[in-house]
Amino acid sequence: MRLITIENTTGNTEVVNVDHIVSICTETNNVVINLSNGSVIRTRFTDVDHATDYVVRASSHSFTGTI
């Protein structure tokens, strides 16, 4: 499982398991990442190619602090 962070259009950061990304597409001027649970993340990416490149190259998310 590899977790990455993605910033959505409202500026919030979401942590995503890349194994659950079903598709990346453009929808009404937004690049959208669709997840296997039916969730949709509207991102700040400008095109599908940049979003795909980020998912492939992004460093894994690391948790900080104590549990």
C-alpha atoms as a PDB file:
ATOM      1  CA  MET A   1       0.000   0.000   0.000  1.00  0.00           C
ATOM      2  CA  ARG A   2       1.424   3.374  -1.025  1.00  0.00           C
ATOM      3  CA  LEU A   3      -0.250   6.502   0.299  1.00  0.00           C
ATOM      4  CA  ILE A   4       0.157   9.914  -1.337  1.00  0.00           C
ATOM      5  CA  THR A   5      -1.305  13.337  -0.614  1.00  0.00           C
ATOM      6  CA  ILE A   6      -3.448  15.189  -3.138  1.00  0.00           C
ATOM      7  CA  GLU A   7      -4.761  18.730  -2.820  1.00  0.00           C
ATOM      8  CA  ASN A   8      -8.370  19.174  -3.896  1.00  0.00           C
ATOM      9  CA  THR A   9      -9.963  22.273  -5.459  1.00  0.00           C
ATOM     10  CA  THR A  10     -10.945  23.686  -2.060  1.00  0.00           C
ATOM     11  CA  GLY A  11      -7.329  23.527  -0.854  1.00  0.00           C
ATOM     12  CA  ASN A  12      -7.782  20.573   1.494  1.00  0.00           C
ATOM     13  CA  THR A  13      -5.214  17.784   1.444  1.00  0.00           C
ATOM     14  CA  GLU A  14      -6.414  14.217   1.069  1.00  0.00           C
ATOM     15  CA  VAL A  15      -4.384  11.046   1.632  1.00  0.00           C
ATOM     16  CA  VAL A  16      -5.013   8.452  -1.071  1.00  0.00           C
ATOM     17  CA  ASN A  17      -4.013   4.802  -1.451  1.00  0.00           C
ATOM     18  CA  VAL A  18      -2.767   4.684  -5.060  1.00  0.00           C
ATOM     19  CA  ASP A  19      -3.948   1.065  -5.376  1.00  0.00           C
ATOM     20  CA  HIS A  20      -7.529   2.377  -5.157  1.00  0.00           C
ATOM     21  CA  ILE A  21      -7.301   4.870  -8.030  1.00  0.00           C
ATOM     22  CA  VAL A  22      -9.663   3.643 -10.738  1.00  0.00           C
ATOM     23  CA  SER A  23      -9.311   6.481 -13.247  1.00  0.00           C
ATOM     24  CA  ILE A  24      -8.082  10.012 -13.796  1.00  0.00           C
ATOM     25  CA  CYS A  25     -10.127  12.160 -16.157  1.00  0.00           C
ATOM     26  CA  THR A  26     -11.205  15.693 -17.008  1.00  0.00           C
ATOM     27  CA  GLU A  27     -14.693  16.712 -15.949  1.00  0.00           C
ATOM     28  CA  THR A  28     -15.979  20.267 -16.433  1.00  0.00           C
ATOM     29  CA  ASN A  29     -12.554  21.964 -16.356  1.00  0.00           C
ATOM     30  CA  ASN A  30     -11.408  19.880 -13.359  1.00  0.00           C
ATOM     31  CA  VAL A  31      -9.065  16.918 -13.315  1.00  0.00           C
ATOM     32  CA  VAL A  32     -10.851  14.259 -11.305  1.00  0.00           C
ATOM     33  CA  ILE A  33      -9.465  11.167  -9.585  1.00  0.00           C
ATOM     34  CA  ASN A  34     -12.029   8.384  -9.167  1.00  0.00           C
ATOM     35  CA  LEU A  35     -11.479   5.866  -6.380  1.00  0.00           C
ATOM     36  CA  SER A  36     -12.640   2.268  -6.065  1.00  0.00           C
ATOM     37  CA  ASN A  37     -15.074   3.125  -3.248  1.00  0.00           C
ATOM     38  CA  GLY A  38     -16.914   5.583  -5.515  1.00  0.00           C
ATOM     39  CA  SER A  39     -15.308   8.695  -4.027  1.00  0.00           C
ATOM     40  CA  VAL A  40     -14.284  11.480  -6.391  1.00  0.00           C
ATOM     41  CA  ILE A  41     -11.454  13.926  -5.780  1.00  0.00           C
ATOM     42  CA  ARG A  42     -11.561  17.123  -7.823  1.00  0.00           C
ATOM     43  CA  THR A  43      -7.932  18.187  -7.978  1.00  0.00           C
ATOM     44  CA  ARG A  44      -5.980  21.349  -8.772  1.00  0.00           C
ATOM     45  CA  PHE A  45      -4.124  19.636 -11.622  1.00  0.00           C
ATOM     46  CA  THR A  46      -4.420  21.353 -14.989  1.00  0.00           C
ATOM     47  CA  ASP A  47      -4.451  18.199 -17.111  1.00  0.00           C
ATOM     48  CA  VAL A  48      -4.599  14.418 -16.887  1.00  0.00           C
ATOM     49  CA  ASP A  49      -0.940  13.983 -17.864  1.00  0.00           C
ATOM     50  CA  HIS A  50       0.319  16.072 -14.937  1.00  0.00           C
ATOM     51  CA  ALA A  51      -1.977  14.250 -12.507  1.00  0.00           C
ATOM     52  CA  THR A  52      -0.837  10.849 -13.750  1.00  0.00           C
ATOM     53  CA  ASP A  53       2.820  11.866 -13.585  1.00  0.00           C
ATOM     54  CA  TYR A  54       2.347  13.080  -9.995  1.00  0.00           C
ATOM     55  CA  VAL A  55       0.683   9.819  -8.899  1.00  0.00           C
ATOM     56  CA  VAL A  56       3.564   7.814 -10.359  1.00  0.00           C
ATOM     57  CA  ARG A  57       6.364  10.020  -8.954  1.00  0.00           C
ATOM     58  CA  ALA A  58       4.970  11.328  -5.662  1.00  0.00           C
ATOM     59  CA  SER A  59       6.755  10.382  -2.476  1.00  0.00           C
ATOM     60  CA  SER A  60       4.832   8.246  -0.070  1.00  0.00           C
ATOM     61  CA  HIS A  61       2.955  10.020   2.701  1.00  0.00           C
ATOM     62  CA  SER A  62       4.499   9.577   6.140  1.00  0.00           C
ATOM     63  CA  PHE A  63       2.554  10.006   9.311  1.00  0.00           C
ATOM     64  CA  THR A  64       3.956  12.259  12.014  1.00  0.00           C
ATOM     65  CA  GLY A  65       3.203  12.513  15.680  1.00  0.00           C
ATOM     66  CA  THR A  66       2.152   9.854  18.145  1.00  0.00           C
ATOM     67  CA  ILE A  67      -0.875   7.615  18.193  1.00  0.00           C
END
